[in-house]
C-alpha atoms as a PDB file:
ATOM      1  CA  MET A   1     -22.957-270.792  30.184  1.00  0.00           C
ATOM      2  CA  ASN A   2     -20.167-271.786  27.795  1.00  0.00           C
ATOM      3  CA  ASN A   3     -18.599-268.343  28.172  1.00  0.00           C
ATOM      4  CA  ILE A   4     -18.539-268.726  31.963  1.00  0.00           C
ATOM      5  CA  GLN A   5     -16.856-272.136  31.756  1.00  0.00           C
ATOM      6  CA  PHE A   6     -14.293-270.768  29.262  1.00  0.00           C
ATOM      7  CA  TYR A   7     -13.505-267.836  31.586  1.00  0.00           C
ATOM      8  CA  LYS A   8     -13.074-270.148  34.602  1.00  0.00           C
ATOM      9  CA  LYS A   9     -10.842-272.495  32.632  1.00  0.00           C
ATOM     10  CA  ASN A  10      -8.543-269.720  31.395  1.00  0.00           C
ATOM     11  CA  SER A  11      -8.427-268.100  34.833  1.00  0.00           C
ATOM     12  CA  LEU A  12      -7.212-271.366  36.356  1.00  0.00           C
ATOM     13  CA  LEU A  13      -4.565-271.709  33.665  1.00  0.00           C
ATOM     14  CA  PHE A  14      -3.334-268.157  34.312  1.00  0.00           C
ATOM     15  CA  ILE A  15      -3.140-268.736  38.070  1.00  0.00           C
ATOM     16  CA  LEU A  16      -1.227-271.980  37.522  1.00  0.00           C
ATOM     17  CA  PHE A  17       1.233-270.285  35.143  1.00  0.00           C
ATOM     18  CA  PHE A  18       1.752-267.372  37.551  1.00  0.00           C
ATOM     19  CA  ALA A  19       2.433-269.740  40.467  1.00  0.00           C
ATOM     20  CA  ILE A  20       5.027-271.641  38.416  1.00  0.00           C
ATOM     21  CA  PHE A  21       6.703-268.350  37.410  1.00  0.00           C
ATOM     22  CA  ILE A  22       6.906-267.155  41.022  1.00  0.00           C
ATOM     23  CA  HIS A  23       8.285-270.504  42.160  1.00  0.00           C
ATOM     24  CA  HIS A  24      11.124-270.461  39.631  1.00  0.00           C
ATOM     25  CA  SER A  25      11.793-266.758  40.081  1.00  0.00           C
ATOM     26  CA  CYS A  26      12.316-267.248  43.801  1.00  0.00           C
ATOM     27  CA  ASP A  27      14.882-269.927  43.186  1.00  0.00           C
ATOM     28  CA  GLU A  28      18.213-268.942  44.707  1.00  0.00           C
ATOM     29  CA  ASP A  29      20.078-269.268  41.420  1.00  0.00           C
ATOM     30  CA  PHE A  30      17.765-266.758  39.752  1.00  0.00           C
ATOM     31  CA  PHE A  31      18.769-263.889  42.047  1.00  0.00           C
ATOM     32  CA  ASN A  32      22.401-264.905  42.486  1.00  0.00           C
ATOM     33  CA  SER A  33      23.191-265.266  38.802  1.00  0.00           C
ATOM     34  CA  VAL A  34      26.076-263.198  37.444  1.00  0.00           C
ATOM     35  CA  VAL A  35      25.952-261.492  34.089  1.00  0.00           C
ATOM     36  CA  SER A  36      29.284-260.638  32.465  1.00  0.00           C
ATOM     37  CA  ILE A  37      29.548-257.366  30.573  1.00  0.00           C
ATOM     38  CA  ASP A  38      32.573-256.640  28.400  1.00  0.00           C
ATOM     39  CA  LEU A  39      33.650-253.014  28.679  1.00  0.00           C
ATOM     40  CA  ASP A  40      36.292-251.412  26.508  1.00  0.00           C
ATOM     41  CA  GLU A  41      39.370-250.441  28.459  1.00  0.00           C
ATOM     42  CA  HIS A  42      39.398-246.696  29.053  1.00  0.00           C
ATOM     43  CA  GLU A  43      42.220-244.798  27.347  1.00  0.00           C
ATOM     44  CA  SER A  44      42.831-241.710  29.418  1.00  0.00           C
ATOM     45  CA  ARG A  45      43.160-238.485  27.412  1.00  0.00           C
ATOM     46  CA  MET A  46      44.451-235.069  28.393  1.00  0.00           C
ATOM     47  CA  VAL A  47      41.818-232.416  29.125  1.00  0.00           C
ATOM     48  CA  PRO A  48      43.084-228.812  28.828  1.00  0.00           C
ATOM     49  CA  PHE A  49      41.137-225.582  29.265  1.00  0.00           C
ATOM     50  CA  GLY A  50      42.665-222.299  28.129  1.00  0.00           C
ATOM     51  CA  PHE A  51      40.667-219.110  27.592  1.00  0.00           C
ATOM     52  CA  PHE A  52      43.187-216.588  26.259  1.00  0.00           C
ATOM     53  CA  GLU A  53      42.353-212.890  26.145  1.00  0.00           C
ATOM     54  CA  VAL A  54      44.410-210.980  23.570  1.00  0.00           C
ATOM     55  CA  SER A  55      44.946-207.846  25.682  1.00  0.00           C
ATOM     56  CA  SER A  56      46.016-209.760  28.804  1.00  0.00           C
ATOM     57  CA  PRO A  57      49.676-210.542  29.588  1.00  0.00           C
ATOM     58  CA  ASP A  58      48.549-213.180  32.087  1.00  0.00           C
ATOM     59  CA  ASN A  59      46.804-216.142  30.431  1.00  0.00           C
ATOM     60  CA  MET A  60      46.586-219.609  31.938  1.00  0.00           C
ATOM     61  CA  LEU A  61      45.861-223.123  30.672  1.00  0.00           C
ATOM     62  CA  GLY A  62      44.744-225.787  33.146  1.00  0.00           C
ATOM     63  CA  LEU A  63      45.507-229.434  32.355  1.00  0.00           C
ATOM     64  CA  SER A  64      43.891-232.586  33.728  1.00  0.00           C
ATOM     65  CA  HIS A  65      43.026-235.984  32.236  1.00  0.00           C
ATOM     66  CA  SER A  66      39.924-238.091  31.715  1.00  0.00           C
ATOM     67  CA  VAL A  67      38.977-241.084  33.872  1.00  0.00           C
ATOM     68  CA  GLY A  68      36.922-244.180  33.079  1.00  0.00           C
ATOM     69  CA  THR A  69      33.245-244.626  33.908  1.00  0.00           C
ATOM     70  CA  LEU A  70      33.975-247.128  36.692  1.00  0.00           C
ATOM     71  CA  ASP A  71      37.019-245.300  38.082  1.00  0.00           C
ATOM     72  CA  ASN A  72      35.887-243.841  41.408  1.00  0.00           C
ATOM     73  CA  SER A  73      39.354-243.116  42.781  1.00  0.00           C
ATOM     74  CA  TYR A  74      38.776-239.376  42.380  1.00  0.00           C
ATOM     75  CA  LEU A  75      35.288-239.277  43.902  1.00  0.00           C
ATOM     76  CA  HIS A  76      34.625-237.876  47.357  1.00  0.00           C
ATOM     77  CA  ASN A  77      33.284-240.554  49.739  1.00  0.00           C
ATOM     78  CA  GLY A  78      31.640-242.442  46.894  1.00  0.00           C
ATOM     79  CA  GLY A  79      29.743-239.383  45.683  1.00  0.00           C
ATOM     80  CA  SER A  80      29.342-238.083  42.161  1.00  0.00           C
ATOM     81  CA  GLN A  81      31.623-235.037  42.434  1.00  0.00           C
ATOM     82  CA  PRO A  82      35.440-235.268  42.159  1.00  0.00           C
ATOM     83  CA  ASP A  83      37.350-234.747  45.376  1.00  0.00           C
ATOM     84  CA  ASN A  84      40.710-234.460  43.635  1.00  0.00           C
ATOM     85  CA  ILE A  85      40.932-233.370  40.012  1.00  0.00           C
ATOM     86  CA  PRO A  86      43.214-235.757  38.066  1.00  0.00           C
ATOM     87  CA  LEU A  87      45.989-233.270  37.248  1.00  0.00           C
ATOM     88  CA  VAL A  88      48.680-233.567  34.608  1.00  0.00           C
ATOM     89  CA  ASN A  89      52.072-232.214  35.652  1.00  0.00           C
ATOM     90  CA  ASP A  90      55.310-231.793  33.712  1.00  0.00           C
ATOM     91  CA  ALA A  91      53.663-231.570  30.300  1.00  0.00           C
ATOM     92  CA  THR A  92      55.161-229.675  27.366  1.00  0.00           C
ATOM     93  CA  VAL A  93      52.719-226.945  26.317  1.00  0.00           C
ATOM     94  CA  GLU A  94      53.649-224.935  23.226  1.00  0.00           C
ATOM     95  CA  LEU A  95      51.925-222.118  21.342  1.00  0.00           C
ATOM     96  CA  TYR A  96      52.445-221.877  17.571  1.00  0.00           C
ATOM     97  CA  ARG A  97      51.563-219.127  15.123  1.00  0.00           C
ATOM     98  CA  ASN A  98      51.192-220.421  11.572  1.00  0.00           C
ATOM     99  CA  ASP A  99      53.273-223.504  12.505  1.00  0.00           C
ATOM    100  CA  GLU A 100      56.048-221.366  14.005  1.00  0.00           C
ATOM    101  CA  LEU A 101      56.781-221.858  17.711  1.00  0.00           C
ATOM    102  CA  VAL A 102      56.341-218.546  19.540  1.00  0.00           C
ATOM    103  CA  PHE A 103      55.950-219.472  23.245  1.00  0.00           C
ATOM    104  CA  VAL A 104      56.452-222.360  25.648  1.00  0.00           C
ATOM    105  CA  LEU A 105      54.051-222.168  28.588  1.00  0.00           C
ATOM    106  CA  ASP A 106      55.648-222.754  31.996  1.00  0.00           C
ATOM    107  CA  GLU A 107      53.912-224.763  34.703  1.00  0.00           C
ATOM    108  CA  VAL A 108      53.229-222.807  37.904  1.00  0.00           C
ATOM    109  CA  GLY A 109      54.723-225.017  40.619  1.00  0.00           C
ATOM    110  CA  SER A 110      53.021-228.423  40.496  1.00  0.00           C
ATOM    111  CA  SER A 111      49.550-227.001  39.930  1.00  0.00           C
ATOM    112  CA  SER A 112      49.083-228.297  36.354  1.00  0.00           C
ATOM    113  CA  ASN A 113      48.393-224.667  35.389  1.00  0.00           C
ATOM    114  CA  TYR A 114      50.570-223.540  32.495  1.00  0.00           C
ATOM    115  CA  HIS A 115      51.235-219.825  32.271  1.00  0.00           C
ATOM    116  CA  LEU A 116      51.598-217.565  29.238  1.00  0.00           C
ATOM    117  CA  ASP A 117      53.070-214.323  30.582  1.00  0.00           C
ATOM    118  CA  ASN A 118      53.223-212.491  27.258  1.00  0.00           C
ATOM    119  CA  LEU A 119      50.721-210.765  25.030  1.00  0.00           C
ATOM    120  CA  LEU A 120      49.608-212.785  22.032  1.00  0.00           C
ATOM    121  CA  PRO A 121      51.395-211.593  18.878  1.00  0.00           C
ATOM    122  CA  LEU A 122      48.439-210.060  17.048  1.00  0.00           C
ATOM    123  CA  ASN A 123      47.897-210.964  13.449  1.00  0.00           C
ATOM    124  CA  ASP A 124      44.356-211.155  12.125  1.00  0.00           C
ATOM    125  CA  ASP A 125      45.281-213.780   9.515  1.00  0.00           C
ATOM    126  CA  ALA A 126      47.309-216.005  11.833  1.00  0.00           C
ATOM    127  CA  ILE A 127      46.263-219.438  13.053  1.00  0.00           C
ATOM    128  CA  PHE A 128      47.290-220.095  16.655  1.00  0.00           C
ATOM    129  CA  THR A 129      47.761-223.696  17.742  1.00  0.00           C
ATOM    130  CA  ILE A 130      48.293-225.129  21.210  1.00  0.00           C
ATOM    131  CA  LYS A 131      50.262-228.410  21.167  1.00  0.00           C
ATOM    132  CA  ILE A 132      50.551-230.508  24.338  1.00  0.00           C
ATOM    133  CA  GLN A 133      52.826-233.486  24.899  1.00  0.00           C
ATOM    134  CA  HIS A 134      53.245-235.839  27.862  1.00  0.00           C
ATOM    135  CA  PRO A 135      54.876-239.298  27.957  1.00  0.00           C
ATOM    136  CA  ASN A 136      51.783-240.900  29.521  1.00  0.00           C
ATOM    137  CA  PHE A 137      49.266-239.625  26.955  1.00  0.00           C
ATOM    138  CA  VAL A 138      48.807-239.187  23.231  1.00  0.00           C
ATOM    139  CA  ASP A 139      49.744-235.760  21.853  1.00  0.00           C
ATOM    140  CA  ILE A 140      46.867-233.321  21.459  1.00  0.00           C
ATOM    141  CA  GLN A 141      46.368-229.975  19.757  1.00  0.00           C
ATOM    142  CA  ALA A 142      43.746-227.326  18.975  1.00  0.00           C
ATOM    143  CA  SER A 143      43.748-224.237  16.763  1.00  0.00           C
ATOM    144  CA  GLN A 144      42.050-220.839  16.888  1.00  0.00           C
ATOM    145  CA  VAL A 145      42.107-217.532  15.044  1.00  0.00           C
ATOM    146  CA  ILE A 146      41.767-214.128  16.668  1.00  0.00           C
ATOM    147  CA  PRO A 147      38.095-213.075  16.545  1.00  0.00           C
ATOM    148  CA  SER A 148      36.804-209.826  15.045  1.00  0.00           C
ATOM    149  CA  ASP A 149      36.603-206.569  16.978  1.00  0.00           C
ATOM    150  CA  ALA A 150      33.332-205.579  18.608  1.00  0.00           C
ATOM    151  CA  PHE A 151      32.479-202.484  20.614  1.00  0.00           C
ATOM    152  CA  ILE A 152      29.893-201.428  23.186  1.00  0.00           C
ATOM    153  CA  LEU A 153      28.403-198.161  21.943  1.00  0.00           C
ATOM    154  CA  SER A 154      26.035-197.478  24.840  1.00  0.00           C
ATOM    155  CA  VAL A 155      24.256-198.958  27.862  1.00  0.00           C
ATOM    156  CA  GLU A 156      20.950-197.356  28.875  1.00  0.00           C
ATOM    157  CA  LYS A 157      18.486-198.267  31.609  1.00  0.00           C
ATOM    158  CA  THR A 158      14.971-198.602  30.192  1.00  0.00           C
ATOM    159  CA  GLY A 159      12.856-199.717  33.179  1.00  0.00           C
ATOM    160  CA  ARG A 160      12.045-202.559  35.539  1.00  0.00           C
ATOM    161  CA  THR A 161      10.494-205.923  34.848  1.00  0.00           C
ATOM    162  CA  GLN A 162      10.076-209.471  36.065  1.00  0.00           C
ATOM    163  CA  GLY A 163      11.690-212.386  34.306  1.00  0.00           C
ATOM    164  CA  GLY A 164      13.767-215.510  34.600  1.00  0.00           C
ATOM    165  CA  GLU A 165      12.609-218.934  35.663  1.00  0.00           C
ATOM    166  CA  PHE A 166      11.086-217.772  38.954  1.00  0.00           C
ATOM    167  CA  GLY A 167       9.835-214.302  38.026  1.00  0.00           C
ATOM    168  CA  GLU A 168      12.694-212.415  39.696  1.00  0.00           C
ATOM    169  CA  GLU A 169      12.866-208.623  39.797  1.00  0.00           C
ATOM    170  CA  PHE A 170      15.194-207.149  37.162  1.00  0.00           C
ATOM    171  CA  VAL A 171      16.327-203.777  35.917  1.00  0.00           C
ATOM    172  CA  GLU A 172      16.022-203.625  32.146  1.00  0.00           C
ATOM    173  CA  PHE A 173      18.854-202.229  30.014  1.00  0.00           C
ATOM    174  CA  ASN A 174      19.501-201.761  26.329  1.00  0.00           C
ATOM    175  CA  MET A 175      23.094-202.464  25.275  1.00  0.00           C
ATOM    176  CA  ARG A 176      24.050-201.371  21.778  1.00  0.00           C
ATOM    177  CA  ILE A 177      27.037-203.028  20.113  1.00  0.00           C
ATOM    178  CA  GLU A 178      28.832-202.650  16.799  1.00  0.00           C
ATOM    179  CA  ASP A 179      30.619-205.407  14.923  1.00  0.00           C
ATOM    180  CA  ASP A 180      31.589-206.463  11.403  1.00  0.00           C
ATOM    181  CA  LEU A 181      28.614-206.206   9.066  1.00  0.00           C
ATOM    182  CA  ASN A 182      27.412-209.402   7.337  1.00  0.00           C
ATOM    183  CA  VAL A 183      29.945-211.574   9.183  1.00  0.00           C
ATOM    184  CA  GLU A 184      28.649-214.102  11.694  1.00  0.00           C
ATOM    185  CA  ASN A 185      30.317-213.323  14.995  1.00  0.00           C
ATOM    186  CA  TYR A 186      29.945-214.912  18.425  1.00  0.00           C
ATOM    187  CA  TYR A 187      29.770-213.078  21.728  1.00  0.00           C
ATOM    188  CA  ALA A 188      29.659-213.514  25.479  1.00  0.00           C
ATOM    189  CA  ILE A 189      28.382-210.776  27.797  1.00  0.00           C
ATOM    190  CA  GLU A 190      29.376-210.471  31.449  1.00  0.00           C
ATOM    191  CA  TRP A 191      28.579-207.669  33.895  1.00  0.00           C
ATOM    192  CA  PHE A 192      30.385-207.061  37.176  1.00  0.00           C
ATOM    193  CA  LEU A 193      29.595-205.042  40.280  1.00  0.00           C
ATOM    194  CA  VAL A 194      32.885-203.248  41.009  1.00  0.00           C
ATOM    195  CA  ASP A 195      33.617-201.722  44.415  1.00  0.00           C
ATOM    196  CA  THR A 196      36.617-199.399  44.101  1.00  0.00           C
ATOM    197  CA  TYR A 197      36.771-198.660  47.834  1.00  0.00           C
ATOM    198  CA  HIS A 198      36.968-202.274  49.024  1.00  0.00           C
ATOM    199  CA  GLY A 199      38.732-203.487  45.892  1.00  0.00           C
ATOM    200  CA  PHE A 200      36.465-206.331  44.823  1.00  0.00           C
ATOM    201  CA  ARG A 201      34.131-207.216  41.981  1.00  0.00           C
ATOM    202  CA  ASP A 202      31.247-209.652  41.762  1.00  0.00           C
ATOM    203  CA  ARG A 203      29.383-211.066  38.762  1.00  0.00           C
ATOM    204  CA  ILE A 204      25.916-209.655  38.212  1.00  0.00           C
ATOM    205  CA  TYR A 205      23.152-212.140  37.487  1.00  0.00           C
ATOM    206  CA  LEU A 206      21.851-211.544  33.942  1.00  0.00           C
ATOM    207  CA  GLU A 207      18.921-212.720  31.847  1.00  0.00           C
ATOM    208  CA  SER A 208      17.522-211.641  28.485  1.00  0.00           C
ATOM    209  CA  ASP A 209      14.134-211.773  26.776  1.00  0.00           C
ATOM    210  CA  ASP A 210      15.775-211.866  23.330  1.00  0.00           C
ATOM    211  CA  ILE A 211      15.196-215.281  21.758  1.00  0.00           C
ATOM    212  CA  SER A 212      18.676-215.181  20.189  1.00  0.00           C
ATOM    213  CA  VAL A 213      20.368-214.798  23.595  1.00  0.00           C
ATOM    214  CA  GLU A 214      20.966-217.676  26.000  1.00  0.00           C
ATOM    215  CA  ARG A 215      22.913-218.316  29.168  1.00  0.00           C
ATOM    216  CA  GLY A 216      26.390-219.828  29.037  1.00  0.00           C
ATOM    217  CA  LEU A 217      29.164-220.314  31.585  1.00  0.00           C
ATOM    218  CA  ARG A 218      28.653-218.922  35.071  1.00  0.00           C
ATOM    219  CA  ARG A 219      26.471-215.786  34.662  1.00  0.00           C
ATOM    220  CA  GLU A 220      27.324-214.878  31.090  1.00  0.00           C
ATOM    221  CA  LEU A 221      24.963-214.449  28.133  1.00  0.00           C
ATOM    222  CA  LEU A 222      25.771-215.876  24.686  1.00  0.00           C
ATOM    223  CA  PHE A 223      24.600-214.846  21.240  1.00  0.00           C
ATOM    224  CA  SER A 224      25.700-214.700  17.593  1.00  0.00           C
ATOM    225  CA  ASP A 225      25.174-211.779  15.232  1.00  0.00           C
ATOM    226  CA  PHE A 226      25.960-210.423  11.765  1.00  0.00           C
ATOM    227  CA  ASN A 227      23.966-207.173  11.649  1.00  0.00           C
ATOM    228  CA  GLY A 228      26.650-204.532  12.206  1.00  0.00           C
ATOM    229  CA  ILE A 229      24.845-202.536  14.935  1.00  0.00           C
ATOM    230  CA  THR A 230      22.669-204.533  17.291  1.00  0.00           C
ATOM    231  CA  ASP A 231      20.586-203.708  20.369  1.00  0.00           C
ATOM    232  CA  ILE A 232      20.599-206.365  23.088  1.00  0.00           C
ATOM    233  CA  LYS A 233      18.005-206.366  25.849  1.00  0.00           C
ATOM    234  CA  ILE A 234      19.700-207.095  29.175  1.00  0.00           C
ATOM    235  CA  LEU A 235      17.910-207.932  32.430  1.00  0.00           C
ATOM    236  CA  ALA A 236      20.204-207.330  35.425  1.00  0.00           C
ATOM    237  CA  ASP A 237      19.509-208.376  39.015  1.00  0.00           C
ATOM    238  CA  MET A 238      17.566-205.513  40.625  1.00  0.00           C
ATOM    239  CA  TYR A 239      19.220-205.739  44.048  1.00  0.00           C
ATOM    240  CA  GLN A 240      22.738-205.611  42.634  1.00  0.00           C
ATOM    241  CA  VAL A 241      21.872-202.647  40.410  1.00  0.00           C
ATOM    242  CA  GLU A 242      20.259-200.777  43.313  1.00  0.00           C
ATOM    243  CA  GLU A 243      23.362-201.414  45.414  1.00  0.00           C
ATOM    244  CA  VAL A 244      25.466-199.707  42.748  1.00  0.00           C
ATOM    245  CA  GLU A 245      23.060-196.796  42.392  1.00  0.00           C
ATOM    246  CA  ASN A 246      23.152-196.164  46.159  1.00  0.00           C
ATOM    247  CA  ASN A 247      26.926-196.424  46.578  1.00  0.00           C
ATOM    248  CA  PRO A 248      29.255-193.791  45.022  1.00  0.00           C
ATOM    249  CA  ASP A 249      32.213-196.195  45.303  1.00  0.00           C
ATOM    250  CA  GLN A 250      30.581-198.772  43.046  1.00  0.00           C
ATOM    251  CA  HIS A 251      29.914-199.058  39.316  1.00  0.00           C
ATOM    252  CA  ILE A 252      28.875-201.691  36.786  1.00  0.00           C
ATOM    253  CA  LEU A 253      31.571-202.971  34.440  1.00  0.00           C
ATOM    254  CA  CYS A 254      29.937-204.245  31.227  1.00  0.00           C
ATOM    255  CA  VAL A 255      32.164-206.676  29.327  1.00  0.00           C
ATOM    256  CA  LEU A 256      31.574-207.757  25.734  1.00  0.00           C
ATOM    257  CA  LYS A 257      33.727-210.696  24.627  1.00  0.00           C
ATOM    258  CA  SER A 258      34.199-211.475  20.957  1.00  0.00           C
ATOM    259  CA  ILE A 259      34.676-215.243  20.938  1.00  0.00           C
ATOM    260  CA  SER A 260      35.104-218.142  18.517  1.00  0.00           C
ATOM    261  CA  GLU A 261      32.378-220.529  17.441  1.00  0.00           C
ATOM    262  CA  ASP A 262      34.095-223.263  19.492  1.00  0.00           C
ATOM    263  CA  ARG A 263      33.883-221.142  22.639  1.00  0.00           C
ATOM    264  CA  TYR A 264      30.232-220.331  21.866  1.00  0.00           C
ATOM    265  CA  LEU A 265      29.320-224.004  21.386  1.00  0.00           C
ATOM    266  CA  TYR A 266      31.220-224.974  24.527  1.00  0.00           C
ATOM    267  CA  GLY A 267      29.344-222.416  26.639  1.00  0.00           C
ATOM    268  CA  ARG A 268      25.966-223.548  25.285  1.00  0.00           C
ATOM    269  CA  SER A 269      26.680-227.265  25.752  1.00  0.00           C
ATOM    270  CA  PHE A 270      28.123-226.771  29.240  1.00  0.00           C
ATOM    271  CA  ARG A 271      25.017-224.897  30.364  1.00  0.00           C
ATOM    272  CA  ARG A 272      22.748-227.628  28.965  1.00  0.00           C
ATOM    273  CA  TYR A 273      24.875-230.286  30.637  1.00  0.00           C
ATOM    274  CA  ARG A 274      24.495-228.563  34.011  1.00  0.00           C
ATOM    275  CA  GLU A 275      20.751-228.161  33.545  1.00  0.00           C
ATOM    276  CA  ALA A 276      20.377-231.870  32.704  1.00  0.00           C
ATOM    277  CA  GLU A 277      22.604-233.013  35.571  1.00  0.00           C
ATOM    278  CA  GLY A 278      20.705-235.146  38.067  1.00  0.00           C
ATOM    279  CA  ASN A 279      17.635-235.439  35.837  1.00  0.00           C
ATOM    280  CA  PRO A 280      17.111-239.139  34.974  1.00  0.00           C
ATOM    281  CA  PHE A 281      14.715-238.211  32.149  1.00  0.00           C
ATOM    282  CA  ALA A 282      16.985-235.674  30.411  1.00  0.00           C
ATOM    283  CA  GLU A 283      18.756-236.465  27.153  1.00  0.00           C
ATOM    284  CA  PRO A 284      22.547-236.962  27.560  1.00  0.00           C
ATOM    285  CA  VAL A 285      24.542-233.826  26.709  1.00  0.00           C
ATOM    286  CA  THR A 286      28.010-233.937  25.156  1.00  0.00           C
ATOM    287  CA  ILE A 287      30.157-230.925  26.057  1.00  0.00           C
ATOM    288  CA  HIS A 288      31.769-229.385  22.983  1.00  0.00           C
ATOM    289  CA  SER A 289      35.538-229.830  22.605  1.00  0.00           C
ATOM    290  CA  ASN A 290      37.997-228.629  19.965  1.00  0.00           C
ATOM    291  CA  PHE A 291      41.103-230.697  20.811  1.00  0.00           C
ATOM    292  CA  GLU A 292      42.274-233.450  18.488  1.00  0.00           C
ATOM    293  CA  ASN A 293      42.876-236.721  20.409  1.00  0.00           C
ATOM    294  CA  GLY A 294      41.725-235.111  23.652  1.00  0.00           C
ATOM    295  CA  TYR A 295      38.942-233.223  25.370  1.00  0.00           C
ATOM    296  CA  GLY A 296      38.713-229.613  26.458  1.00  0.00           C
ATOM    297  CA  LEU A 297      38.856-226.174  24.910  1.00  0.00           C
ATOM    298  CA  PHE A 298      41.383-223.685  23.586  1.00  0.00           C
ATOM    299  CA  SER A 299      39.847-220.261  22.991  1.00  0.00           C
ATOM    300  CA  ILE A 300      41.088-216.811  21.995  1.00  0.00           C
ATOM    301  CA  GLU A 301      38.896-213.868  22.955  1.00  0.00           C
ATOM    302  CA  LYS A 302      38.759-210.101  22.569  1.00  0.00           C
ATOM    303  CA  GLU A 303      37.152-207.841  25.155  1.00  0.00           C
ATOM    304  CA  ASP A 304      35.555-204.410  25.107  1.00  0.00           C
ATOM    305  CA  ASP A 305      34.556-202.756  28.391  1.00  0.00           C
ATOM    306  CA  PHE A 306      31.965-200.129  29.241  1.00  0.00           C
ATOM    307  CA  ILE A 307      31.477-198.521  32.662  1.00  0.00           C
ATOM    308  CA  TYR A 308      27.903-197.784  33.750  1.00  0.00           C
ATOM    309  CA  ASN A 309      27.292-195.753  36.907  1.00  0.00           C
END
């Protein structure tokens, strides 16, 4: 009997407390109250991206700048994607080799793309530095060395399989490469469907079952290696491969890029950022950058090509 009276007494107290809470919560001042949050003023920084290939006489560096978290002036109709990229025009973009100025990159029109129309002066021991100046931003710079050589020895079709996230149909290949023994190198692999008759090429969708290989930018695969000669298992989209096999004007261009660790980390972090985008439960991903006082990437790459048909 005492337990019943105790339960009734506490139940009444709870109901009374809840009613008081609801009454005060519904007060107009409760919902109309303003909370002030102090945010640090955003200091906009330059954001360059330059992927330079040593054998190309036509390299480009794009230059934009960062915007604050609450700055929606570049968003399309209040959405989350930029409608107009915040470009940086009339900057001074210089390329140094071991602290010696070798090239000044010219802006193409008012596009904020800065063009290097010369081959990089090759020197395996040289340090190349991009320095960028603009009166509205702090000076920024990033340095790279020319990566080691790597070669595609062979590409052989080994069968068909299913793979990927949704069990897609793939043609399985083995790609054998050779690089410097006992030196940790970083690589990106891209394959293209090339149509010589119509004059176009399209990226082939790639996957790999190798645990050391992961996807990077666009449809490339990334991995690091220090074994000298290495076999990489490549899964290429079955429909694109069959299109090549049934068309005498088409072939597969296999591209192996020897890249820097910065480029490797950027590709990995960018892919993880895209995979986490729109997922409220995903951990925040910081995209790798190698510029001092800025954001973005300067990369020097070497390519080796192999034609499969």
